[in-house]
Amino acid sequence: MFTRRKTLTIAGVAAAALVIGLAGCSSEPAAEEGPVEIRFTWWGGDARHELTNAALDAFEAANDDITVVRDFGGFDGYLDKITTQYAGGNSPDVIQLYNEVLVEFADRGQLYDLNKAVDEDLLSLEGWPQDVVDMTTVGGELSALTFGSTTHAYFFDETKSAEFGVETPAEGYTWDDLGAYSAAIAKASDGKVWGTTDLSHSYQIFEVWAKQHGEEFLTADGIGFTQETLESFWQYWADLRDAGAVPSPDVSTEYLGTPYDAVVQGVVTSTFLFTNQFQSVADSTPSELSISRMPGESPDPGQYLRSAMNLTVSSQSKHPEAAARLVDFLLNSEEANEILGTDRGFPSNANVFGPATTGLEGPSAEAADIFEAVRADGSPAPVPAPIGSAAVNTLFSEYAQQVQFGQLSVSEAATQFLAAAESELG
């Protein structure tokens, strides 16, 4: 969807055109003169669109010299759209971008260094933890700032579990406890419902597993885990499949991207999600849900506070100053965070955490408790993913699926995946 909320006056268009023309004569951004129009693109659902549009209305009310064109839609095809726009020299000024591709965009010189905006007092980092800033700093340039933080979580359908007479795992549960719970649900339902989805394809689950084993999924230098650790992860899920404790591969494939839908649709009674998704999932089912940290978080936690998504400014922007003012408003103003709430996750700026979370109750408040628990004793956030990491993430899922369908053994898949991943990472 692509909307324009204001129409520039003729004088405004002329002034904006003048600025663009001047900018084309110099490598340095031209000073903003008169009304300008910038474009902001993001993905999300209807609720996010409504909140974001309200925040942009507030920004425009406070900045009558800037009009924000809103370019939004679903996640499918989002990256292809942006890539095409960049190729045509027509990228949006402000872009919501996920972390896995941040380094690739930065390496191609497609992102504006936000340090310049900080130096010009257009963007404040007051209230931002340094390690969070470092998480989006690539090659010494501030390529992005997190537009919401989140963390992994596991959630359980308490209503369905009770109907099958199976207790959900207690706090501090292990991976083996999860497996036993899932097998008990499958047995109680005569194999019609399972206790959890098969998550062997998910690099996001494996990165928690690797941290719990004292390793990393990816480091700045490439692969951060041993083949033994990867095999132990894939073997764990293979054992659950062999025991009939998780759905068959053809059923699991239906929920690769949205495992929580398997709970909503009554196929399984638990699975993984991110904390910022819990409220919407809870709203989608009449069942009572509970949320907990991932299995196996003691003694060595694997969860960390991760970027839910980022805000970036395009290096193609003709109005980087206006774009930086929008980024500053969305990330640092109490007004914007009161409106945006926690739809994208919790704000990284501690100074606006209160406005964003005031009034949380029910599932949202329970998710906030998980987030705060991980803040207190979680694992450190990983460094920015290296170039090629997006391809590695895809490869991880593809090789895991070959194990699921019996096309490769765990050992064969791990060996071949590591070779392919190292090739992608150079």
Protein backbone atom coordinates (compact mmCIF):
# COMPACT_ATOMS: atom_id res chain seq x y z
CA MET A 1 0.00 0.00 0.00
CA PHE A 2 1.27 3.43 -0.88
CA THR A 3 -0.36 6.56 0.43
CA ARG A 4 0.32 10.25 0.40
CA ARG A 5 -1.08 12.07 3.41
CA LYS A 6 -0.31 15.60 2.33
CA THR A 7 -0.03 17.37 -0.94
CA LEU A 8 2.84 19.74 -1.37
CA THR A 9 2.03 23.27 -2.37
CA ILE A 10 3.40 24.45 -5.69
CA ALA A 11 5.89 26.57 -3.81
CA GLY A 12 6.83 23.58 -1.73
CA VAL A 13 7.46 21.44 -4.80
CA ALA A 14 9.61 24.15 -6.33
CA ALA A 15 11.62 24.48 -3.14
CA ALA A 16 12.07 20.74 -2.86
CA ALA A 17 13.14 20.52 -6.50
CA LEU A 18 15.67 23.28 -5.89
CA VAL A 19 17.13 21.36 -2.98
CA ILE A 20 17.36 18.17 -5.05
CA GLY A 21 19.06 20.04 -7.85
CA LEU A 22 21.62 21.57 -5.54
CA ALA A 23 22.23 18.24 -3.84
CA GLY A 24 23.09 16.73 -7.22
CA CYS A 25 25.99 19.18 -7.56
CA SER A 26 27.78 18.07 -4.39
CA SER A 27 28.65 14.91 -2.52
CA GLU A 28 27.53 16.59 0.69
CA PRO A 29 23.80 16.78 1.56
CA ALA A 30 22.26 20.13 0.83
CA ALA A 31 20.87 22.13 3.74
CA GLU A 32 17.14 21.63 4.07
CA GLU A 33 15.26 24.65 2.74
CA GLY A 34 11.51 24.87 2.79
CA PRO A 35 9.02 22.00 2.75
CA VAL A 36 10.40 18.62 1.75
CA GLU A 37 8.85 15.25 1.09
CA ILE A 38 10.41 12.02 2.32
CA ARG A 39 9.22 8.43 1.92
CA PHE A 40 9.12 5.86 4.71
CA THR A 41 8.62 2.17 4.02
CA TRP A 42 7.83 -0.60 6.46
CA TRP A 43 6.18 -4.01 6.63
CA GLY A 44 3.57 -5.26 9.06
CA GLY A 45 -0.06 -6.04 9.67
CA ASP A 46 -3.07 -3.74 9.86
CA ALA A 47 -2.54 -2.89 13.54
CA ARG A 48 1.07 -1.83 12.89
CA HIS A 49 0.03 0.26 9.90
CA GLU A 50 -2.57 2.08 12.00
CA LEU A 51 -0.12 2.81 14.82
CA THR A 52 2.65 3.89 12.46
CA ASN A 53 0.37 6.21 10.52
CA ALA A 54 -0.74 7.81 13.80
CA ALA A 55 2.89 8.36 14.82
CA LEU A 56 3.68 9.87 11.42
CA ASP A 57 0.68 12.17 11.74
CA ALA A 58 2.13 13.36 15.06
CA PHE A 59 5.54 13.88 13.43
CA GLU A 60 4.06 15.95 10.64
CA ALA A 61 2.09 18.03 13.12
CA ALA A 62 5.32 18.85 14.93
CA ASN A 63 7.33 19.31 11.72
CA ASP A 64 5.18 21.20 9.23
CA ASP A 65 8.11 21.51 6.80
CA ILE A 66 8.23 17.73 6.24
CA THR A 67 5.67 15.51 4.54
CA VAL A 68 6.01 11.75 4.95
CA VAL A 69 4.80 9.54 2.12
CA ARG A 70 3.81 6.17 3.59
CA ASP A 71 4.81 3.03 1.68
CA PHE A 72 3.72 -0.08 3.56
CA GLY A 73 2.48 -3.61 3.10
CA GLY A 74 3.11 -7.21 4.13
CA PHE A 75 6.47 -8.95 4.53
CA ASP A 76 6.22 -11.10 1.40
CA GLY A 77 8.25 -9.46 -1.35
CA TYR A 78 9.35 -6.62 0.91
CA LEU A 79 13.09 -7.03 0.36
CA ASP A 80 12.66 -7.55 -3.39
CA LYS A 81 10.71 -4.31 -3.58
CA ILE A 82 13.39 -2.32 -1.80
CA THR A 83 16.18 -3.89 -3.84
CA THR A 84 14.38 -2.96 -7.04
CA GLN A 85 13.85 0.60 -5.81
CA TYR A 86 17.54 0.93 -5.00
CA ALA A 87 18.46 -0.32 -8.46
CA GLY A 88 16.24 2.35 -9.94
CA GLY A 89 17.74 5.08 -7.75
CA ASN A 90 14.36 5.53 -6.09
CA SER A 91 14.82 3.98 -2.68
CA PRO A 92 12.72 5.26 0.23
CA ASP A 93 14.39 7.82 2.47
CA VAL A 94 13.68 5.93 5.69
CA ILE A 95 13.56 2.13 5.61
CA GLN A 96 12.50 -0.45 8.17
CA LEU A 97 15.09 -3.19 7.68
CA TYR A 98 15.65 -6.49 9.40
CA ASN A 99 18.96 -7.32 10.98
CA GLU A 100 19.96 -10.28 8.84
CA VAL A 101 20.57 -8.09 5.77
CA LEU A 102 21.92 -5.00 7.51
CA VAL A 103 25.60 -5.71 6.81
CA GLU A 104 24.91 -6.45 3.15
CA PHE A 105 23.13 -3.12 2.65
CA ALA A 106 25.87 -1.29 4.56
CA ASP A 107 28.63 -3.01 2.60
CA ARG A 108 27.02 -1.91 -0.67
CA GLY A 109 27.08 1.69 0.56
CA GLN A 110 23.29 1.87 0.53
CA LEU A 111 22.88 3.24 4.06
CA TYR A 112 23.49 6.75 5.36
CA ASP A 113 25.90 6.99 8.29
CA LEU A 114 23.68 8.13 11.15
CA ASN A 115 26.77 9.31 13.05
CA LYS A 116 26.58 12.41 10.83
CA ALA A 117 23.08 13.13 12.13
CA VAL A 118 24.29 12.60 15.69
CA ASP A 119 27.14 15.06 15.12
CA GLU A 120 24.67 17.61 13.73
CA ASP A 121 22.34 17.20 16.74
CA LEU A 122 19.58 15.87 14.50
CA LEU A 123 19.60 12.47 16.19
CA SER A 124 20.15 11.79 19.88
CA LEU A 125 21.69 8.66 21.39
CA GLU A 126 20.87 9.69 24.94
CA GLY A 127 19.40 6.69 26.74
CA TRP A 128 20.84 4.19 24.24
CA PRO A 129 23.10 1.44 25.66
CA GLN A 130 26.44 1.42 23.88
CA ASP A 131 26.29 -2.34 23.12
CA VAL A 132 22.95 -1.81 21.37
CA VAL A 133 24.48 0.96 19.28
CA ASP A 134 27.45 -1.30 18.51
CA MET A 135 25.03 -4.01 17.35
CA THR A 136 24.07 -1.85 14.34
CA THR A 137 27.46 -0.23 13.73
CA VAL A 138 29.11 -1.64 10.62
CA GLY A 139 32.63 -0.67 9.62
CA GLY A 140 32.61 2.23 12.04
CA GLU A 141 29.42 3.71 10.57
CA LEU A 142 26.13 3.81 12.43
CA SER A 143 24.12 2.03 9.75
CA ALA A 144 20.88 1.74 11.71
CA LEU A 145 19.25 1.95 15.10
CA THR A 146 16.98 -0.74 16.48
CA PHE A 147 13.30 -0.06 15.92
CA GLY A 148 12.18 -2.30 18.76
CA SER A 149 13.93 -5.08 20.63
CA THR A 150 12.59 -8.51 21.41
CA THR A 151 13.68 -11.94 22.55
CA HIS A 152 12.78 -15.56 21.97
CA ALA A 153 10.07 -17.22 24.03
CA TYR A 154 8.13 -20.46 24.19
CA PHE A 155 4.40 -20.46 24.73
CA PHE A 156 1.98 -23.18 25.75
CA ASP A 157 -1.72 -23.76 25.22
CA GLU A 158 -2.74 -24.33 28.82
CA THR A 159 -6.35 -25.07 27.93
CA LYS A 160 -5.55 -27.85 25.45
CA SER A 161 -2.83 -29.29 27.68
CA ALA A 162 -5.34 -29.57 30.54
CA GLU A 163 -7.87 -31.24 28.24
CA PHE A 164 -5.26 -33.92 27.46
CA GLY A 165 -4.33 -34.21 31.12
CA VAL A 166 -0.72 -33.16 30.55
CA GLU A 167 1.00 -30.54 32.71
CA THR A 168 3.04 -27.93 30.90
CA PRO A 169 6.76 -27.84 31.77
CA ALA A 170 7.71 -25.97 34.94
CA GLU A 171 10.02 -22.95 35.06
CA GLY A 172 13.63 -23.92 34.42
CA TYR A 173 12.61 -26.78 32.12
CA THR A 174 15.09 -28.51 29.85
CA TRP A 175 15.00 -29.58 26.22
CA ASP A 176 14.39 -33.13 27.43
CA ASP A 177 11.43 -31.86 29.49
CA LEU A 178 10.00 -30.27 26.35
CA GLY A 179 10.43 -33.53 24.46
CA ALA A 180 8.71 -35.51 27.20
CA TYR A 181 5.82 -33.04 27.29
CA SER A 182 5.39 -33.19 23.52
CA ALA A 183 5.41 -36.99 23.53
CA ALA A 184 2.80 -37.04 26.32
CA ILE A 185 0.47 -34.79 24.32
CA ALA A 186 0.88 -36.99 21.24
CA LYS A 187 0.11 -40.12 23.28
CA ALA A 188 -2.90 -38.58 25.03
CA SER A 189 -4.37 -37.43 21.71
CA ASP A 190 -3.74 -40.76 19.94
CA GLY A 191 -1.29 -39.06 17.63
CA LYS A 192 -3.72 -36.39 16.45
CA VAL A 193 -2.08 -33.47 18.29
CA TRP A 194 1.56 -32.93 19.22
CA GLY A 195 3.17 -31.04 22.09
CA THR A 196 5.38 -28.84 19.90
CA THR A 197 6.32 -28.09 16.33
CA ASP A 198 9.45 -29.46 14.67
CA LEU A 199 11.84 -26.50 14.83
CA SER A 200 14.92 -28.18 13.39
CA HIS A 201 14.81 -25.83 10.40
CA SER A 202 15.08 -22.65 12.48
CA TYR A 203 18.48 -20.97 12.71
CA GLN A 204 16.89 -18.66 15.29
CA ILE A 205 16.34 -21.63 17.60
CA PHE A 206 19.77 -23.04 16.81
CA GLU A 207 21.51 -19.77 17.73
CA VAL A 208 19.99 -20.12 21.22
CA TRP A 209 21.08 -23.78 21.32
CA ALA A 210 24.63 -22.79 20.26
CA LYS A 211 24.87 -20.07 22.92
CA GLN A 212 23.66 -22.53 25.55
CA HIS A 213 26.62 -24.70 24.46
CA GLY A 214 29.08 -21.82 24.78
CA GLU A 215 29.22 -21.10 21.05
CA GLU A 216 27.72 -18.64 18.54
CA PHE A 217 25.76 -19.23 15.35
CA LEU A 218 27.75 -16.60 13.45
CA THR A 219 30.59 -14.34 14.45
CA ALA A 220 32.19 -11.43 12.60
CA ASP A 221 34.58 -13.98 11.08
CA GLY A 222 31.95 -16.51 9.99
CA ILE A 223 30.77 -19.80 11.48
CA GLY A 224 30.86 -19.76 15.29
CA PHE A 225 29.86 -23.32 16.16
CA THR A 226 31.22 -26.82 15.82
CA GLN A 227 29.75 -29.57 13.67
CA GLU A 228 29.21 -31.58 16.84
CA THR A 229 26.90 -28.90 18.26
CA LEU A 230 24.92 -28.66 15.03
CA GLU A 231 24.53 -32.43 14.87
CA SER A 232 23.31 -32.52 18.47
CA PHE A 233 20.60 -29.98 17.57
CA TRP A 234 19.38 -31.76 14.47
CA GLN A 235 19.60 -35.15 16.23
CA TYR A 236 17.40 -33.84 19.06
CA TRP A 237 14.59 -33.11 16.62
CA ALA A 238 15.21 -36.31 14.64
CA ASP A 239 14.71 -38.31 17.84
CA LEU A 240 11.41 -36.51 18.51
CA ARG A 241 10.24 -37.26 14.97
CA ASP A 242 11.18 -40.93 15.34
CA ALA A 243 9.21 -41.06 18.60
CA GLY A 244 6.16 -39.45 16.98
CA ALA A 245 6.44 -36.52 19.39
CA VAL A 246 6.36 -33.82 16.70
CA PRO A 247 4.34 -33.56 13.48
CA SER A 248 5.42 -35.32 10.31
CA PRO A 249 7.63 -33.31 7.91
CA ASP A 250 4.80 -32.55 5.51
CA VAL A 251 2.74 -31.05 8.35
CA SER A 252 5.73 -29.16 9.79
CA THR A 253 6.45 -27.62 6.39
CA GLU A 254 3.08 -25.87 6.47
CA TYR A 255 4.20 -23.84 9.50
CA LEU A 256 7.83 -23.04 8.69
CA GLY A 257 7.34 -19.29 8.71
CA THR A 258 4.60 -19.03 11.30
CA PRO A 259 4.95 -21.89 13.81
CA TYR A 260 2.52 -20.17 16.19
CA ASP A 261 -0.28 -20.78 13.68
CA ALA A 262 0.07 -24.49 14.46
CA VAL A 263 -0.98 -23.72 18.04
CA VAL A 264 -3.81 -21.41 17.00
CA GLN A 265 -5.12 -24.11 14.65
CA GLY A 266 -4.88 -26.83 17.31
CA VAL A 267 -2.19 -28.87 15.55
CA VAL A 268 0.27 -28.56 18.45
CA THR A 269 0.10 -27.18 21.98
CA SER A 270 3.34 -25.20 22.17
CA THR A 271 6.02 -23.59 20.03
CA PHE A 272 8.46 -20.72 19.77
CA LEU A 273 7.71 -17.07 19.01
CA PHE A 274 9.19 -13.67 19.79
CA THR A 275 7.88 -11.77 22.78
CA ASN A 276 6.40 -8.98 20.67
CA GLN A 277 4.15 -11.53 18.90
CA PHE A 278 2.56 -13.00 22.00
CA GLN A 279 -0.35 -10.58 22.38
CA SER A 280 -1.56 -11.00 18.80
CA VAL A 281 -1.27 -14.79 19.03
CA ALA A 282 -3.18 -14.80 22.32
CA ASP A 283 -5.88 -12.71 20.67
CA SER A 284 -6.20 -15.33 17.93
CA THR A 285 -7.33 -18.23 20.10
CA PRO A 286 -9.92 -18.73 22.84
CA SER A 287 -7.44 -20.89 24.74
CA GLU A 288 -5.51 -19.66 27.75
CA LEU A 289 -1.84 -19.35 26.81
CA SER A 290 1.25 -19.11 28.99
CA ILE A 291 4.68 -17.81 27.98
CA SER A 292 8.11 -18.82 29.24
CA ARG A 293 11.75 -18.59 28.38
CA MET A 294 13.26 -21.10 26.00
CA PRO A 295 14.08 -24.61 27.22
CA GLY A 296 17.58 -25.17 28.60
CA GLU A 297 18.25 -21.63 29.80
CA SER A 298 20.07 -22.84 32.90
CA PRO A 299 22.94 -22.84 33.70
CA ASP A 300 24.05 -21.13 30.48
CA PRO A 301 21.44 -18.88 28.87
CA GLY A 302 21.17 -18.63 25.10
CA GLN A 303 18.51 -15.96 24.83
CA TYR A 304 19.54 -12.36 24.26
CA LEU A 305 17.94 -9.02 23.53
CA ARG A 306 17.84 -8.96 19.77
CA SER A 307 16.86 -6.36 17.26
CA ALA A 308 13.29 -6.93 16.18
CA MET A 309 13.93 -4.62 13.26
CA ASN A 310 15.93 -1.51 12.46
CA LEU A 311 15.42 1.98 11.11
CA THR A 312 17.84 3.10 8.43
CA VAL A 313 18.24 6.11 6.15
CA SER A 314 19.07 5.46 2.52
CA SER A 315 22.33 6.84 1.14
CA GLN A 316 20.23 7.81 -1.91
CA SER A 317 18.08 10.15 0.16
CA LYS A 318 18.04 13.73 -1.07
CA HIS A 319 16.89 14.80 2.38
CA PRO A 320 18.98 12.91 4.96
CA GLU A 321 18.51 15.69 7.51
CA ALA A 322 14.71 15.44 7.34
CA ALA A 323 14.98 11.63 7.35
CA ALA A 324 17.17 11.75 10.46
CA ARG A 325 14.64 13.99 12.19
CA LEU A 326 11.96 11.37 11.51
CA VAL A 327 14.19 8.59 12.86
CA ASP A 328 14.88 10.66 15.96
CA PHE A 329 11.18 11.28 16.52
CA LEU A 330 10.15 7.65 16.12
CA LEU A 331 12.91 6.29 18.36
CA ASN A 332 13.39 8.99 20.98
CA SER A 333 10.19 10.94 21.52
CA GLU A 334 7.80 10.03 24.30
CA GLU A 335 4.86 10.99 22.07
CA ALA A 336 5.82 8.57 19.31
CA ASN A 337 6.51 5.73 21.72
CA GLU A 338 3.22 6.25 23.52
CA ILE A 339 1.54 5.77 20.15
CA LEU A 340 3.71 2.92 18.81
CA GLY A 341 3.71 0.98 22.08
CA THR A 342 5.38 -2.42 21.80
CA ASP A 343 4.08 -3.60 18.44
CA ARG A 344 7.63 -3.81 17.07
CA GLY A 345 9.11 -4.83 20.40
CA PHE A 346 10.42 -2.86 23.33
CA PRO A 347 12.29 0.40 22.72
CA SER A 348 16.05 0.26 23.09
CA ASN A 349 16.13 3.82 24.42
CA ALA A 350 15.61 3.38 28.15
CA ASN A 351 14.24 6.93 28.38
CA VAL A 352 11.10 6.02 26.43
CA PHE A 353 10.60 2.49 27.79
CA GLY A 354 8.02 3.84 30.26
CA PRO A 355 5.83 5.64 27.71
CA ALA A 356 5.91 2.61 25.40
CA THR A 357 4.95 0.09 28.09
CA THR A 358 2.55 2.07 30.28
CA GLY A 359 -0.73 0.24 30.64
CA LEU A 360 0.47 -3.14 29.45
CA GLU A 361 -1.60 -5.96 30.86
CA GLY A 362 -2.41 -9.59 30.16
CA PRO A 363 -0.24 -11.30 27.52
CA SER A 364 1.67 -8.10 26.71
CA ALA A 365 2.67 -7.66 30.35
CA GLU A 366 3.68 -11.33 30.58
CA ALA A 367 5.85 -10.91 27.47
CA ALA A 368 7.44 -7.82 29.05
CA ASP A 369 8.36 -9.92 32.08
CA ILE A 370 10.17 -12.42 29.84
CA PHE A 371 12.00 -9.57 28.12
CA GLU A 372 13.09 -8.09 31.43
CA ALA A 373 14.22 -11.50 32.72
CA VAL A 374 16.47 -11.88 29.69
CA ARG A 375 17.74 -8.33 30.12
CA ALA A 376 18.72 -9.33 33.68
CA ASP A 377 20.53 -12.59 32.95
CA GLY A 378 20.49 -13.32 29.24
CA SER A 379 23.36 -13.90 26.86
CA PRO A 380 25.21 -10.97 25.19
CA ALA A 381 23.89 -9.93 21.80
CA PRO A 382 25.90 -11.18 18.82
CA VAL A 383 27.94 -8.86 16.67
CA PRO A 384 26.49 -7.79 13.28
CA ALA A 385 26.01 -10.77 11.00
CA PRO A 386 28.65 -11.06 8.26
CA ILE A 387 27.92 -10.66 4.57
CA GLY A 388 26.24 -13.77 3.25
CA SER A 389 24.44 -14.52 6.49
CA ALA A 390 21.00 -14.24 4.91
CA ALA A 391 21.97 -16.98 2.45
CA VAL A 392 23.34 -19.07 5.32
CA ASN A 393 20.05 -18.75 7.17
CA THR A 394 18.22 -20.07 4.12
CA LEU A 395 20.70 -22.91 3.70
CA PHE A 396 20.20 -23.89 7.32
CA SER A 397 16.48 -24.40 6.73
CA GLU A 398 17.03 -26.25 3.44
CA TYR A 399 19.50 -28.78 4.88
CA ALA A 400 17.35 -29.30 7.98
CA GLN A 401 14.39 -30.12 5.73
CA GLN A 402 16.47 -32.69 3.85
CA VAL A 403 17.07 -34.37 7.20
CA GLN A 404 13.37 -34.16 8.02
CA PHE A 405 12.39 -35.91 4.81
CA GLY A 406 15.10 -38.57 5.12
CA GLN A 407 17.12 -37.35 2.13
CA LEU A 408 20.28 -36.84 4.20
CA SER A 409 21.48 -38.17 7.53
CA VAL A 410 22.19 -35.68 10.31
CA SER A 411 25.93 -36.10 9.80
CA GLU A 412 25.73 -35.75 6.01
CA ALA A 413 23.56 -32.64 6.25
CA ALA A 414 25.82 -30.99 8.82
CA THR A 415 28.94 -31.64 6.73
CA GLN A 416 27.35 -30.35 3.53
CA PHE A 417 25.72 -27.36 5.22
CA LEU A 418 28.99 -26.21 6.80
CA ALA A 419 30.79 -26.42 3.46
CA ALA A 420 28.05 -24.46 1.70
CA ALA A 421 27.81 -21.88 4.50
CA GLU A 422 31.54 -21.25 4.55
CA SER A 423 31.42 -20.75 0.79
CA GLU A 424 28.65 -18.16 1.15
CA LEU A 425 30.55 -16.33 3.88
CA GLY A 426 33.71 -16.22 1.82
